[in-house]
N, C-alpha and C. Protein backbone atom coordinates (compact mmCIF):
# COMPACT_ATOMS: atom_id res chain seq x y z
N MET A 1 57.75 -21.17 -63.08
CA MET A 1 56.49 -20.12 -62.92
C MET A 1 57.37 -18.23 -63.35
N LEU A 2 58.43 -18.32 -62.98
CA LEU A 2 58.89 -16.93 -64.10
C LEU A 2 58.28 -16.63 -65.30
N SER A 3 58.62 -17.94 -66.11
CA SER A 3 59.02 -17.46 -66.87
C SER A 3 57.42 -17.09 -67.48
N GLU A 4 56.58 -18.06 -66.56
CA GLU A 4 54.97 -17.72 -66.85
C GLU A 4 54.51 -16.28 -66.93
N ALA A 5 54.82 -15.89 -65.37
CA ALA A 5 54.59 -14.28 -65.26
C ALA A 5 55.57 -13.17 -66.24
N LEU A 6 56.70 -13.77 -66.54
CA LEU A 6 57.00 -12.74 -67.57
C LEU A 6 56.42 -12.68 -69.47
N TYR A 7 55.78 -13.99 -69.27
CA TYR A 7 54.86 -13.88 -70.82
C TYR A 7 54.01 -13.18 -70.79
N ASP A 8 53.09 -12.87 -70.18
CA ASP A 8 52.03 -11.88 -69.70
C ASP A 8 52.36 -10.85 -69.27
N ASN A 9 53.81 -10.44 -69.04
CA ASN A 9 54.11 -9.36 -68.21
C ASN A 9 54.06 -8.11 -69.28
N THR A 10 53.43 -6.83 -68.38
CA THR A 10 53.23 -5.37 -69.32
C THR A 10 53.72 -4.38 -68.62
N THR A 11 54.03 -4.45 -67.34
CA THR A 11 54.94 -3.43 -66.46
C THR A 11 56.34 -3.77 -65.91
N LEU A 12 57.06 -4.77 -66.12
CA LEU A 12 58.13 -5.17 -65.56
C LEU A 12 59.15 -4.74 -66.68
N THR A 13 59.78 -3.60 -65.96
CA THR A 13 60.79 -3.29 -67.02
C THR A 13 62.14 -3.35 -66.88
N HIS A 14 62.64 -4.07 -65.52
CA HIS A 14 64.48 -4.37 -65.40
C HIS A 14 64.02 -5.39 -64.32
N LEU A 15 64.51 -6.47 -64.58
CA LEU A 15 64.37 -7.85 -63.98
C LEU A 15 66.35 -8.29 -63.77
N PHE A 16 66.12 -8.30 -62.66
CA PHE A 16 67.48 -9.09 -61.76
C PHE A 16 67.55 -10.17 -61.68
N LEU A 17 68.24 -11.10 -61.75
CA LEU A 17 68.18 -12.78 -61.28
C LEU A 17 70.27 -13.21 -61.19
N THR A 18 70.41 -11.98 -60.53
CA THR A 18 71.90 -12.12 -59.79
C THR A 18 71.84 -13.03 -59.37
N SER A 19 73.00 -14.22 -59.32
CA SER A 19 73.39 -15.39 -58.47
C SER A 19 72.13 -16.53 -57.90
N ASN A 20 71.49 -16.21 -59.18
CA ASN A 20 70.54 -17.29 -58.59
C ASN A 20 70.69 -19.14 -59.17
N LEU A 21 72.24 -19.11 -59.28
CA LEU A 21 72.15 -20.65 -59.64
C LEU A 21 70.97 -20.44 -61.15
N LEU A 22 71.45 -20.18 -62.34
CA LEU A 22 70.63 -20.73 -63.25
C LEU A 22 71.44 -21.05 -64.36
N VAL A 23 70.45 -22.26 -64.69
CA VAL A 23 71.60 -23.45 -65.45
C VAL A 23 71.05 -23.23 -66.74
N ILE A 24 71.64 -24.30 -68.13
CA ILE A 24 70.77 -23.98 -69.24
C ILE A 24 69.70 -23.99 -69.24
N GLU A 25 68.89 -25.11 -68.69
CA GLU A 25 67.26 -24.95 -68.81
C GLU A 25 66.72 -23.73 -68.59
N GLY A 26 67.22 -23.20 -67.38
CA GLY A 26 66.83 -21.54 -66.94
C GLY A 26 66.80 -20.62 -68.01
N ALA A 27 67.94 -20.49 -68.60
CA ALA A 27 68.52 -19.91 -69.58
C ALA A 27 67.36 -20.09 -70.71
N LYS A 28 67.04 -21.12 -71.27
CA LYS A 28 66.00 -21.50 -72.63
C LYS A 28 64.64 -20.94 -72.06
N ALA A 29 64.50 -21.94 -70.75
CA ALA A 29 63.25 -20.90 -70.44
C ALA A 29 62.67 -19.67 -70.73
N LEU A 30 64.02 -18.71 -70.07
CA LEU A 30 63.62 -17.35 -70.22
C LEU A 30 64.11 -17.05 -71.63
N ALA A 31 64.94 -18.06 -72.60
CA ALA A 31 64.97 -16.94 -73.97
C ALA A 31 63.63 -17.13 -74.92
N LYS A 32 62.58 -18.40 -74.26
CA LYS A 32 61.53 -18.55 -74.86
C LYS A 32 60.46 -17.19 -74.70
N VAL A 33 60.40 -16.88 -73.43
CA VAL A 33 59.40 -15.81 -73.21
C VAL A 33 59.87 -14.91 -73.51
N LEU A 34 61.00 -13.84 -73.61
CA LEU A 34 61.60 -12.95 -73.77
C LEU A 34 61.34 -12.52 -75.53
N TYR A 35 61.21 -13.65 -75.82
CA TYR A 35 60.99 -13.59 -77.48
C TYR A 35 59.77 -12.78 -77.96
N LYS A 36 58.80 -13.11 -77.09
CA LYS A 36 57.35 -12.02 -77.40
C LYS A 36 57.63 -10.85 -76.23
N ASN A 37 58.10 -11.10 -75.31
CA ASN A 37 57.90 -9.88 -74.07
C ASN A 37 58.43 -8.35 -74.66
N THR A 38 57.63 -7.70 -74.43
CA THR A 38 58.07 -5.82 -75.00
C THR A 38 58.40 -5.10 -74.02
N THR A 39 58.16 -4.94 -72.68
CA THR A 39 58.14 -4.49 -72.02
C THR A 39 59.20 -4.16 -71.41
N LEU A 40 59.91 -5.33 -71.77
CA LEU A 40 61.32 -5.55 -69.97
C LEU A 40 62.70 -5.24 -71.04
N ILE A 41 63.75 -3.46 -70.27
CA ILE A 41 64.67 -3.23 -70.97
C ILE A 41 65.81 -3.53 -70.85
N CYS A 42 66.30 -4.15 -69.05
CA CYS A 42 67.33 -3.98 -68.41
C CYS A 42 66.89 -5.80 -67.88
N LEU A 43 68.17 -6.11 -68.50
CA LEU A 43 68.20 -7.44 -67.92
C LEU A 43 69.47 -7.97 -67.20
N ASN A 44 69.52 -8.20 -66.35
CA ASN A 44 70.70 -8.81 -65.03
C ASN A 44 71.03 -10.10 -64.74
N LEU A 45 71.59 -10.81 -65.48
CA LEU A 45 72.45 -12.25 -65.31
C LEU A 45 73.42 -12.69 -64.83
N GLU A 46 73.64 -11.54 -63.82
CA GLU A 46 75.48 -11.71 -63.56
C GLU A 46 75.65 -12.96 -62.60
N ASN A 47 76.52 -13.64 -62.32
CA ASN A 47 76.73 -14.58 -61.44
C ASN A 47 75.83 -16.08 -61.61
N ASN A 48 75.43 -16.50 -62.65
CA ASN A 48 74.96 -17.44 -63.09
C ASN A 48 75.70 -18.40 -63.73
N GLN A 49 75.22 -20.13 -63.80
CA GLN A 49 75.62 -20.98 -64.11
C GLN A 49 75.29 -21.68 -66.10
N PHE A 50 74.46 -21.15 -66.63
CA PHE A 50 74.31 -21.22 -67.68
C PHE A 50 75.03 -21.38 -68.54
N GLY A 51 76.33 -21.37 -69.21
CA GLY A 51 77.11 -21.21 -69.63
C GLY A 51 77.15 -20.55 -71.02
N ALA A 52 77.91 -21.04 -72.08
CA ALA A 52 77.87 -20.56 -73.58
C ALA A 52 76.69 -20.88 -74.38
N GLU A 53 75.78 -22.60 -74.04
CA GLU A 53 74.92 -22.39 -74.92
C GLU A 53 73.77 -21.86 -73.63
N GLY A 54 73.50 -21.63 -72.78
CA GLY A 54 72.63 -20.71 -72.11
C GLY A 54 72.77 -19.20 -72.96
N VAL A 55 73.91 -18.62 -72.88
CA VAL A 55 73.95 -17.56 -73.99
C VAL A 55 73.82 -17.44 -75.27
N LYS A 56 73.78 -18.56 -75.66
CA LYS A 56 73.81 -18.49 -77.16
C LYS A 56 71.53 -18.78 -77.20
N ALA A 57 71.12 -19.32 -76.47
CA ALA A 57 70.03 -19.40 -76.70
C ALA A 57 69.26 -17.59 -76.22
N LEU A 58 69.79 -17.25 -75.17
CA LEU A 58 69.21 -15.79 -75.22
C LEU A 58 69.97 -15.16 -76.24
N ALA A 59 70.82 -15.20 -76.59
CA ALA A 59 71.25 -13.95 -77.65
C ALA A 59 70.43 -14.40 -78.88
N ASN A 60 70.17 -15.79 -79.13
CA ASN A 60 68.97 -15.82 -80.81
C ASN A 60 67.96 -15.00 -80.26
N THR A 61 67.74 -15.02 -79.13
CA THR A 61 66.22 -14.63 -78.36
C THR A 61 66.59 -12.93 -78.82
N LEU A 62 67.88 -12.73 -78.02
CA LEU A 62 67.62 -11.28 -78.00
C LEU A 62 67.99 -10.36 -78.98
N TYR A 63 68.55 -10.94 -79.88
CA TYR A 63 69.12 -10.38 -81.52
C TYR A 63 67.10 -9.72 -81.87
N LYS A 64 66.65 -10.72 -81.64
CA LYS A 64 65.20 -10.05 -82.13
C LYS A 64 64.31 -9.27 -80.94
N ASN A 65 64.76 -8.90 -80.21
CA ASN A 65 63.79 -8.28 -78.81
C ASN A 65 64.17 -7.32 -78.93
N THR A 66 63.56 -6.59 -79.34
CA THR A 66 63.73 -4.62 -80.04
C THR A 66 63.91 -3.91 -78.80
N THR A 67 63.55 -4.56 -77.66
CA THR A 67 63.35 -3.51 -76.24
C THR A 67 64.03 -3.93 -75.65
N ILE A 68 65.03 -4.78 -74.98
CA ILE A 68 65.97 -4.86 -74.29
C ILE A 68 66.76 -4.30 -74.58
N SER A 69 67.53 -2.93 -73.81
CA SER A 69 68.75 -2.57 -73.98
C SER A 69 69.96 -2.80 -73.35
N SER A 70 69.76 -3.28 -72.24
CA SER A 70 71.21 -3.67 -71.31
C SER A 70 70.74 -5.33 -70.66
N LEU A 71 72.14 -5.90 -71.41
CA LEU A 71 71.87 -7.13 -70.66
C LEU A 71 72.95 -7.65 -69.87
N ASN A 72 72.77 -7.33 -68.92
CA ASN A 72 74.73 -8.20 -67.48
C ASN A 72 74.83 -9.52 -67.52
N LEU A 73 75.67 -9.90 -68.01
CA LEU A 73 76.49 -11.56 -67.78
C LEU A 73 77.67 -11.41 -67.50
N SER A 74 77.85 -10.59 -66.92
CA SER A 74 79.20 -10.69 -65.72
C SER A 74 79.37 -11.90 -64.78
N TYR A 75 80.34 -12.49 -64.64
CA TYR A 75 80.74 -12.93 -63.85
C TYR A 75 80.06 -14.72 -63.87
N MET A 76 80.00 -15.14 -65.53
CA MET A 76 79.13 -15.74 -65.80
C MET A 76 80.54 -17.30 -65.64
N VAL A 77 80.17 -18.47 -65.58
CA VAL A 77 80.89 -19.81 -64.99
C VAL A 77 80.72 -20.35 -66.84
N LEU A 78 82.36 -19.91 -66.86
CA LEU A 78 82.28 -20.35 -68.54
C LEU A 78 83.80 -21.24 -68.38
N ARG A 79 83.84 -21.70 -69.88
CA ARG A 79 84.68 -22.18 -69.93
C ARG A 79 86.01 -21.53 -70.68
N SER A 80 87.24 -21.71 -70.69
CA SER A 80 87.74 -20.81 -71.75
C SER A 80 87.51 -20.60 -73.09
N PHE A 81 87.21 -21.75 -73.43
CA PHE A 81 86.87 -21.35 -74.72
C PHE A 81 85.23 -20.95 -75.22
N GLU A 82 84.62 -20.92 -74.08
CA GLU A 82 83.26 -20.17 -74.11
C GLU A 82 83.20 -19.03 -74.04
N VAL A 83 84.39 -18.32 -73.23
CA VAL A 83 84.81 -16.96 -73.06
C VAL A 83 84.38 -16.44 -74.26
N TYR A 84 85.44 -16.44 -75.31
CA TYR A 84 85.24 -15.85 -76.35
C TYR A 84 83.95 -15.91 -77.54
N PHE A 85 83.60 -16.93 -77.23
CA PHE A 85 81.87 -16.82 -77.44
C PHE A 85 81.37 -16.14 -77.13
N SER A 86 80.75 -16.20 -76.23
CA SER A 86 80.28 -15.00 -75.15
C SER A 86 80.36 -13.91 -75.28
N VAL A 87 81.49 -13.45 -75.38
CA VAL A 87 81.85 -12.19 -75.89
C VAL A 87 81.15 -11.45 -77.16
N SER A 88 81.55 -12.47 -78.25
CA SER A 88 81.10 -12.28 -79.62
C SER A 88 79.79 -11.83 -79.79
N ILE A 89 78.91 -12.53 -79.11
CA ILE A 89 77.60 -12.89 -78.81
C ILE A 89 77.14 -11.25 -78.02
N THR A 90 77.65 -11.12 -77.32
CA THR A 90 77.06 -9.80 -76.41
C THR A 90 77.13 -8.43 -77.41
N SER A 91 78.84 -8.72 -77.85
CA SER A 91 79.32 -7.14 -78.68
C SER A 91 78.33 -7.54 -79.90
N GLN A 92 77.55 -8.42 -80.47
CA GLN A 92 76.75 -8.32 -82.10
C GLN A 92 75.56 -7.67 -81.06
N LEU A 93 75.03 -7.97 -80.07
CA LEU A 93 73.77 -7.44 -79.59
C LEU A 93 74.05 -6.22 -79.22
N LYS A 94 75.09 -5.55 -78.79
CA LYS A 94 75.30 -4.37 -78.77
C LYS A 94 75.41 -2.95 -80.26
N SER A 95 75.93 -3.92 -81.06
CA SER A 95 76.12 -3.29 -81.94
C SER A 95 74.63 -3.61 -83.24
N SER A 96 73.93 -4.39 -82.65
CA SER A 96 72.86 -4.54 -83.84
C SER A 96 71.76 -3.60 -84.06
N PRO A 97 71.82 -3.14 -85.46
CA PRO A 97 70.95 -1.91 -86.10
C PRO A 97 70.06 -1.43 -85.27
N GLU A 98 69.10 -3.07 -85.14
CA GLU A 98 67.79 -2.65 -84.63
C GLU A 98 67.38 -2.04 -83.10
N LYS A 99 68.56 -1.86 -82.66
CA LYS A 99 68.70 -2.12 -80.96
C LYS A 99 68.90 0.12 -80.86
């Protein structure tokens, strides 16, 4: 339902989904709609459980989404080998010339 609402969103600029137990499927669904969304500028996904695979899905979309300028992935449940991957992806987003 949330993904459907975000798909046609023209007013929401900040979305806080902190501690919502989002898993990989939720991150992938969110990634699909963020590809089209042009109004959201702040996305807080702090303390969720979608791991590196979910972060990768979001990163691939957010790299192309030029409106989101703030992304919070604090306190993600990641295994140690996933931490480096996630930090690298978010660093790339911050340094993207389109942002």
